[in-house]
């Protein structure tokens, strides 16, 4: 039994969003700590970036880029901050974050609450020269008259402080945002994003929803390949509701955590098939163990991302997964994590 397991019941007595905020404040003490040296077998190269491990922090945890280095110090191979919008916005009314403890899940309807790109840029610029890959997830303001222009502005604003940029068009909590996943709209969006990025900007990743029909997956994949996206993140939270036991199961918003595992894994397979391996994939959704991470890598993911599992497994989960993943790779005779990508696909 870990220390976190002992204190978790006390943490769960605190309202979810307040507990999250306290966690970010507490991590500031770690934000100048050097990251650990992971097992070399875990080193992974994607989009010209050298990831010390394939285990990353998903967007939504450190929305304003306050403590990315603290998460790297906890054993994450990379940290993705955001979602950040051009202008600050308060997000949706509270309460908007709910634990589903019996289901080891979370429902959120945060609504891209953040302090805006300018404030985050200043924080990330202050870490210039520090080691570690820090991606920036960008979105559009809820009331934007031209959402494509918002994404282009986000690329221009954040490119200088981002190891990579993630275009988030898959949150279910901004009305109409997921319509940008339709082929024609996505093509226009990516054209604007790539023009704003220019020839020397950071890699562009695209984060997609799990709630897509097969035809949508094929069309989205074609556009992403044609527009030279560097990777797809599969996937965001789901608006679907499998059988859930928790009292908060009826709350509106995106569902993440253990109940998303099977759907996210299925979508990873769908995108692997649709892209033919021509586009790197990053897996997110329901990953809570070394076995989960290894299964997604073998199914075609070059990297994986965690979020909701941290609520239930504690802050050292990334380090435990890294240790376990290295053991599994060696057990099966792989010389590197990259060798295992797609081994079961």
Protein backbone atom coordinates (compact mmCIF):
# COMPACT_ATOMS: atom_id res chain seq x y z
CA UNK A 1 0.00 0.00 0.00
CA UNK A 2 1.46 3.37 -1.04
CA UNK A 3 1.37 6.62 0.90
CA UNK A 4 -1.00 8.01 -1.71
CA UNK A 5 -3.41 5.12 -1.17
CA UNK A 6 -3.53 6.00 2.52
CA UNK A 7 -4.20 9.72 2.01
CA UNK A 8 -6.51 9.41 -1.00
CA UNK A 9 -9.71 9.14 1.10
CA UNK A 10 -8.81 12.47 2.74
CA UNK A 11 -8.13 14.11 -0.64
CA UNK A 12 -11.44 12.84 -1.98
CA UNK A 13 -13.27 14.75 0.74
CA UNK A 14 -12.15 17.97 -0.98
CA UNK A 15 -14.24 19.16 -3.94
CA UNK A 16 -12.57 17.93 -7.14
CA UNK A 17 -11.62 21.23 -8.75
CA UNK A 18 -10.35 22.68 -5.46
CA UNK A 19 -8.25 19.54 -4.91
CA UNK A 20 -6.82 19.92 -8.39
CA UNK A 21 -5.92 23.53 -7.73
CA UNK A 22 -4.23 22.59 -4.44
CA UNK A 23 -2.24 19.95 -6.29
CA UNK A 24 -0.93 22.49 -8.81
CA UNK A 25 0.03 24.83 -5.98
CA UNK A 26 1.82 22.03 -4.16
CA UNK A 27 3.77 21.02 -7.28
CA UNK A 28 5.32 24.45 -7.55
CA UNK A 29 7.87 23.34 -4.97
CA UNK A 30 9.07 20.70 -7.48
CA UNK A 31 9.12 22.96 -10.52
CA UNK A 32 12.89 23.57 -10.36
CA UNK A 33 13.78 19.91 -9.78
CA UNK A 34 15.76 18.16 -12.50
CA UNK A 35 13.99 15.27 -14.23
CA UNK A 36 15.21 11.73 -13.47
CA UNK A 37 17.30 9.70 -15.89
CA UNK A 38 15.00 7.01 -17.28
CA UNK A 39 15.96 3.62 -18.63
CA UNK A 40 17.55 4.12 -22.11
CA UNK A 41 15.30 1.43 -23.60
CA UNK A 42 12.41 3.88 -23.28
CA UNK A 43 13.93 6.62 -25.45
CA UNK A 44 11.64 7.44 -28.37
CA UNK A 45 12.04 9.80 -31.32
CA UNK A 46 8.98 11.36 -32.94
CA UNK A 47 8.59 14.43 -35.17
CA UNK A 48 12.25 15.28 -34.71
CA UNK A 49 11.94 15.30 -30.92
CA UNK A 50 13.79 12.97 -28.56
CA UNK A 51 11.44 11.79 -25.81
CA UNK A 52 13.26 10.20 -22.82
CA UNK A 53 10.21 7.98 -22.26
CA UNK A 54 6.99 7.54 -24.24
CA UNK A 55 4.88 8.37 -21.16
CA UNK A 56 3.47 11.89 -21.21
CA UNK A 57 1.15 14.14 -19.27
CA UNK A 58 -2.03 14.93 -21.19
CA UNK A 59 -3.40 18.43 -21.57
CA UNK A 60 -5.93 19.56 -19.00
CA UNK A 61 -3.84 18.95 -15.90
CA UNK A 62 -1.55 21.99 -16.09
CA UNK A 63 -3.89 24.25 -18.03
CA UNK A 64 -1.87 27.44 -17.64
CA UNK A 65 1.64 26.06 -17.91
CA UNK A 66 2.43 26.67 -14.27
CA UNK A 67 4.33 23.49 -13.36
CA UNK A 68 5.48 21.52 -16.42
CA UNK A 69 8.92 20.93 -14.94
CA UNK A 70 7.39 19.48 -11.77
CA UNK A 71 5.65 16.83 -13.86
CA UNK A 72 8.88 16.08 -15.71
CA UNK A 73 10.54 15.68 -12.29
CA UNK A 74 7.84 13.15 -11.36
CA UNK A 75 8.96 10.92 -14.23
CA UNK A 76 6.92 12.00 -17.23
CA UNK A 77 8.82 11.86 -20.51
CA UNK A 78 6.99 14.96 -21.70
CA UNK A 79 4.31 17.34 -20.47
CA UNK A 80 1.55 18.97 -22.48
CA UNK A 81 0.10 22.18 -21.04
CA UNK A 82 -3.20 23.84 -21.90
CA UNK A 83 -5.69 24.02 -23.45
CA UNK A 84 -4.77 27.69 -23.94
CA UNK A 85 -6.94 30.17 -25.82
CA UNK A 86 -5.91 33.55 -27.26
CA UNK A 87 -7.88 35.46 -24.63
CA UNK A 88 -8.43 34.49 -20.99
CA UNK A 89 -11.77 32.87 -20.28
CA UNK A 90 -13.50 31.67 -17.15
CA UNK A 91 -14.92 28.47 -18.62
CA UNK A 92 -18.25 26.92 -17.72
CA UNK A 93 -20.09 27.48 -14.43
CA UNK A 94 -19.01 25.48 -11.39
CA UNK A 95 -19.24 22.69 -10.36
CA UNK A 96 -17.73 21.33 -13.56
CA UNK A 97 -15.31 18.59 -12.47
CA UNK A 98 -16.57 15.34 -10.94
CA UNK A 99 -14.90 12.21 -9.62
CA UNK A 100 -16.58 8.89 -10.32
CA UNK A 101 -14.65 6.91 -7.73
CA UNK A 102 -16.53 3.64 -8.12
CA UNK A 103 -15.73 3.72 -11.84
CA UNK A 104 -12.21 5.15 -11.49
CA UNK A 105 -13.32 7.88 -13.86
CA UNK A 106 -13.74 11.65 -14.18
CA UNK A 107 -16.36 13.80 -15.90
CA UNK A 108 -15.43 17.36 -16.76
CA UNK A 109 -17.16 20.24 -18.48
CA UNK A 110 -14.46 22.82 -17.77
CA UNK A 111 -14.88 24.75 -21.03
CA UNK A 112 -11.27 25.76 -21.76
CA UNK A 113 -10.89 27.78 -18.55
CA UNK A 114 -7.46 29.40 -18.67
CA UNK A 115 -5.62 32.67 -18.19
CA UNK A 116 -4.87 33.17 -21.87
CA UNK A 117 -1.86 32.61 -24.06
CA UNK A 118 0.04 35.77 -23.18
CA UNK A 119 0.30 34.89 -19.48
CA UNK A 120 1.28 31.29 -20.23
CA UNK A 121 3.85 32.45 -22.77
CA UNK A 122 5.60 34.50 -20.11
CA UNK A 123 5.78 31.50 -17.76
CA UNK A 124 7.06 29.13 -20.44
CA UNK A 125 9.58 31.66 -21.72
CA UNK A 126 11.01 31.82 -18.20
CA UNK A 127 11.91 28.12 -18.38
CA UNK A 128 13.97 28.59 -21.57
CA UNK A 129 17.11 26.47 -21.49
CA UNK A 130 15.71 23.86 -19.11
CA UNK A 131 15.65 20.23 -20.27
CA UNK A 132 12.49 18.43 -21.17
CA UNK A 133 9.80 18.38 -23.84
CA UNK A 134 6.85 20.68 -23.11
CA UNK A 135 4.03 20.75 -25.63
CA UNK A 136 1.34 23.42 -25.79
CA UNK A 137 -2.29 22.55 -26.49
CA UNK A 138 -4.20 25.38 -28.17
CA UNK A 139 -7.90 26.06 -28.64
CA UNK A 140 -10.37 28.72 -29.67
CA UNK A 141 -12.23 31.10 -27.40
CA UNK A 142 -15.87 30.16 -26.92
CA UNK A 143 -17.16 33.43 -28.38
CA UNK A 144 -14.63 33.69 -31.21
CA UNK A 145 -16.15 35.01 -34.44
CA UNK A 146 -13.54 33.09 -36.45
CA UNK A 147 -12.26 29.97 -34.74
CA UNK A 148 -9.72 29.18 -37.44
CA UNK A 149 -8.22 32.62 -36.89
CA UNK A 150 -8.01 31.83 -33.16
CA UNK A 151 -6.04 28.65 -33.84
CA UNK A 152 -3.70 30.45 -36.22
CA UNK A 153 -3.19 33.16 -33.61
CA UNK A 154 -2.43 30.50 -31.03
CA UNK A 155 0.22 28.95 -33.25
CA UNK A 156 1.90 32.31 -33.78
CA UNK A 157 1.68 33.20 -30.08
CA UNK A 158 2.99 29.95 -28.62
CA UNK A 159 5.34 28.50 -31.25
CA UNK A 160 8.40 30.09 -29.69
CA UNK A 161 7.94 28.39 -26.31
CA UNK A 162 6.52 25.01 -27.39
CA UNK A 163 8.39 21.80 -28.18
CA UNK A 164 5.27 20.93 -30.18
CA UNK A 165 1.77 22.37 -30.60
CA UNK A 166 -1.44 20.37 -30.28
CA UNK A 167 -4.52 21.59 -32.12
CA UNK A 168 -7.44 20.61 -29.89
CA UNK A 169 -10.69 20.36 -31.88
CA UNK A 170 -12.11 17.48 -29.86
CA UNK A 171 -13.25 18.89 -26.53
CA UNK A 172 -16.99 18.30 -26.05
CA UNK A 173 -17.31 21.31 -23.73
CA UNK A 174 -17.12 24.17 -26.26
CA UNK A 175 -20.28 24.20 -28.38
CA UNK A 176 -19.63 23.48 -32.05
CA UNK A 177 -15.92 22.83 -31.64
CA UNK A 178 -16.04 19.20 -32.76
CA UNK A 179 -17.54 20.31 -36.08
CA UNK A 180 -13.99 21.29 -37.02
CA UNK A 181 -13.26 17.54 -37.31
CA UNK A 182 -15.38 17.41 -40.49
CA UNK A 183 -13.15 17.04 -43.55
CA UNK A 184 -13.75 20.38 -45.28
CA UNK A 185 -13.59 22.40 -42.07
CA UNK A 186 -10.51 20.50 -40.91
CA UNK A 187 -8.74 21.12 -44.20
CA UNK A 188 -9.35 24.85 -43.89
CA UNK A 189 -8.24 24.81 -40.26
CA UNK A 190 -5.01 22.92 -40.92
CA UNK A 191 -4.20 25.12 -43.90
CA UNK A 192 -4.41 28.14 -41.60
CA UNK A 193 -2.44 26.43 -38.84
CA UNK A 194 0.37 25.32 -41.14
CA UNK A 195 0.63 28.76 -42.74
CA UNK A 196 0.88 30.33 -39.27
CA UNK A 197 3.50 27.77 -38.20
CA UNK A 198 5.73 28.42 -41.21
CA UNK A 199 8.72 26.37 -42.29
CA UNK A 200 10.67 26.56 -39.05
CA UNK A 201 7.96 26.19 -36.42
CA UNK A 202 7.42 23.29 -34.01
CA UNK A 203 5.67 20.02 -34.92
CA UNK A 204 1.89 20.11 -35.10
CA UNK A 205 -0.18 17.39 -33.43
CA UNK A 206 -3.94 17.03 -33.82
CA UNK A 207 -6.13 15.80 -30.96
CA UNK A 208 -9.26 13.91 -32.04
CA UNK A 209 -12.39 12.68 -30.31
CA UNK A 210 -13.25 9.01 -29.69
CA UNK A 211 -16.85 9.64 -30.78
CA UNK A 212 -16.25 9.38 -34.52
CA UNK A 213 -17.94 7.24 -37.16
CA UNK A 214 -15.75 5.07 -39.44
CA UNK A 215 -16.26 7.37 -42.43
CA UNK A 216 -15.21 10.36 -40.32
CA UNK A 217 -12.04 8.55 -39.23
CA UNK A 218 -11.06 7.83 -42.84
CA UNK A 219 -11.76 11.39 -44.00
CA UNK A 220 -10.00 12.98 -41.04
CA UNK A 221 -6.96 10.75 -41.56
CA UNK A 222 -6.69 11.70 -45.23
CA UNK A 223 -6.81 15.40 -44.44
CA UNK A 224 -4.26 15.07 -41.63
CA UNK A 225 -1.84 13.22 -43.92
CA UNK A 226 -2.38 15.63 -46.82
CA UNK A 227 -1.75 18.62 -44.56
CA UNK A 228 1.40 17.01 -43.11
CA UNK A 229 0.27 16.85 -39.49
CA UNK A 230 3.11 15.39 -37.43
CA UNK A 231 1.00 13.12 -35.18
CA UNK A 232 -2.55 12.37 -34.05
CA UNK A 233 -3.51 12.17 -30.38
CA UNK A 234 -6.17 9.48 -30.01
CA UNK A 235 -8.24 10.45 -28.11
CA UNK A 236 -9.99 13.10 -26.02
CA UNK A 237 -12.85 12.48 -23.57
CA UNK A 238 -16.08 10.84 -24.68
CA UNK A 239 -19.68 12.04 -24.57
CA UNK A 240 -20.83 8.42 -24.59
CA UNK A 241 -21.85 6.76 -21.34
CA UNK A 242 -21.09 3.11 -20.78
CA UNK A 243 -22.59 1.44 -17.72
CA UNK A 244 -21.42 3.48 -14.72
CA UNK A 245 -21.96 2.96 -10.99
CA UNK A 246 -21.07 6.34 -9.50
CA UNK A 247 -23.52 8.93 -8.23
CA UNK A 248 -22.07 11.53 -10.61
CA UNK A 249 -22.57 9.35 -13.68
CA UNK A 250 -25.37 11.57 -14.99
CA UNK A 251 -23.31 14.76 -15.10
CA UNK A 252 -22.85 16.38 -18.51
CA UNK A 253 -19.37 16.68 -19.98
CA UNK A 254 -16.53 14.53 -21.23
CA UNK A 255 -15.92 11.17 -19.56
CA UNK A 256 -12.35 9.97 -19.00
CA UNK A 257 -10.58 7.29 -17.00
CA UNK A 258 -11.13 3.55 -16.88
CA UNK A 259 -14.51 3.50 -18.72
CA UNK A 260 -12.85 5.17 -21.72
CA UNK A 261 -10.16 2.48 -22.02
CA UNK A 262 -11.83 0.13 -24.49
CA UNK A 263 -13.24 2.88 -26.71
CA UNK A 264 -9.93 4.74 -26.86
CA UNK A 265 -8.07 1.52 -27.67
CA UNK A 266 -10.58 0.72 -30.41
CA UNK A 267 -10.17 4.18 -31.94
CA UNK A 268 -6.40 3.82 -31.86
CA UNK A 269 -6.76 0.67 -33.94
CA UNK A 270 -9.16 2.43 -36.30
CA UNK A 271 -6.73 5.31 -36.88
CA UNK A 272 -3.80 2.93 -37.30
CA UNK A 273 -5.74 1.16 -40.04
CA UNK A 274 -6.97 4.40 -41.64
CA UNK A 275 -3.50 5.95 -41.75
CA UNK A 276 -1.71 2.75 -42.74
CA UNK A 277 1.04 3.60 -40.30
CA UNK A 278 1.86 6.74 -42.30
CA UNK A 279 1.08 9.07 -39.41
CA UNK A 280 2.48 8.68 -35.87
CA UNK A 281 -0.15 8.10 -33.20
CA UNK A 282 -0.23 9.10 -29.54
CA UNK A 283 -2.61 7.16 -27.31
CA UNK A 284 -4.68 8.68 -24.51
CA UNK A 285 -7.68 7.46 -22.60
CA UNK A 286 -7.93 4.89 -19.82
CA UNK A 287 -4.19 4.22 -19.48
CA UNK A 288 -3.40 3.39 -15.85
CA UNK A 289 -0.61 0.79 -15.85
CA UNK A 290 2.51 -0.39 -17.64
CA UNK A 291 0.40 -3.12 -19.24
CA UNK A 292 -2.05 -0.55 -20.59
CA UNK A 293 0.76 1.58 -22.02
CA UNK A 294 2.48 -1.45 -23.55
CA UNK A 295 -0.74 -2.64 -25.19
CA UNK A 296 -1.29 0.77 -26.83
CA UNK A 297 2.32 0.88 -28.04
CA UNK A 298 2.02 -2.60 -29.54
CA UNK A 299 -1.26 -1.48 -31.15
CA UNK A 300 0.52 1.38 -32.93
CA UNK A 301 1.06 4.27 -30.53
CA UNK A 302 4.51 5.84 -30.44
CA UNK A 303 3.69 7.72 -27.23
CA UNK A 304 0.99 7.56 -24.54
CA UNK A 305 -0.54 10.21 -22.28
CA UNK A 306 -2.06 10.04 -18.79
CA UNK A 307 -4.48 12.23 -16.87
CA UNK A 308 -7.41 10.71 -14.97
CA UNK A 309 -5.42 7.74 -13.68
CA UNK A 310 -3.32 10.17 -11.65
CA UNK A 311 -6.42 10.97 -9.58
CA UNK A 312 -6.64 7.36 -8.45
CA UNK A 313 -3.02 6.14 -8.66
CA UNK A 314 -1.12 9.16 -7.40
CA UNK A 315 1.68 11.43 -8.61
CA UNK A 316 4.35 8.73 -9.11
CA UNK A 317 2.32 6.75 -11.62
CA UNK A 318 4.45 7.81 -14.61
CA UNK A 319 7.60 6.54 -12.90
CA UNK A 320 5.97 3.19 -12.07
CA UNK A 321 4.71 2.80 -15.63
CA UNK A 322 8.16 3.60 -17.01
CA UNK A 323 9.77 0.93 -14.85
CA UNK A 324 7.16 -1.64 -15.76
CA UNK A 325 7.25 -0.78 -19.45
CA UNK A 326 11.03 -1.26 -19.59
CA UNK A 327 10.59 -4.70 -18.01
CA UNK A 328 7.91 -5.70 -20.53
CA UNK A 329 10.00 -4.54 -23.49
CA UNK A 330 12.99 -6.59 -22.36
CA UNK A 331 10.81 -9.61 -21.58
CA UNK A 332 9.61 -9.66 -25.17
CA UNK A 333 13.02 -9.07 -26.71
CA UNK A 334 12.62 -5.47 -27.88
CA UNK A 335 15.72 -3.29 -27.91
CA UNK A 336 13.68 -0.09 -27.68
CA UNK A 337 10.15 1.20 -27.25
CA UNK A 338 10.16 2.21 -30.91
CA UNK A 339 10.67 -1.42 -31.96
CA UNK A 340 7.46 -2.39 -30.21
CA UNK A 341 5.28 0.22 -31.96
CA UNK A 342 2.64 -1.63 -33.97
CA UNK A 343 3.98 -5.09 -33.09
CA UNK A 344 0.43 -6.35 -32.52
CA UNK A 345 -1.29 -4.25 -35.18
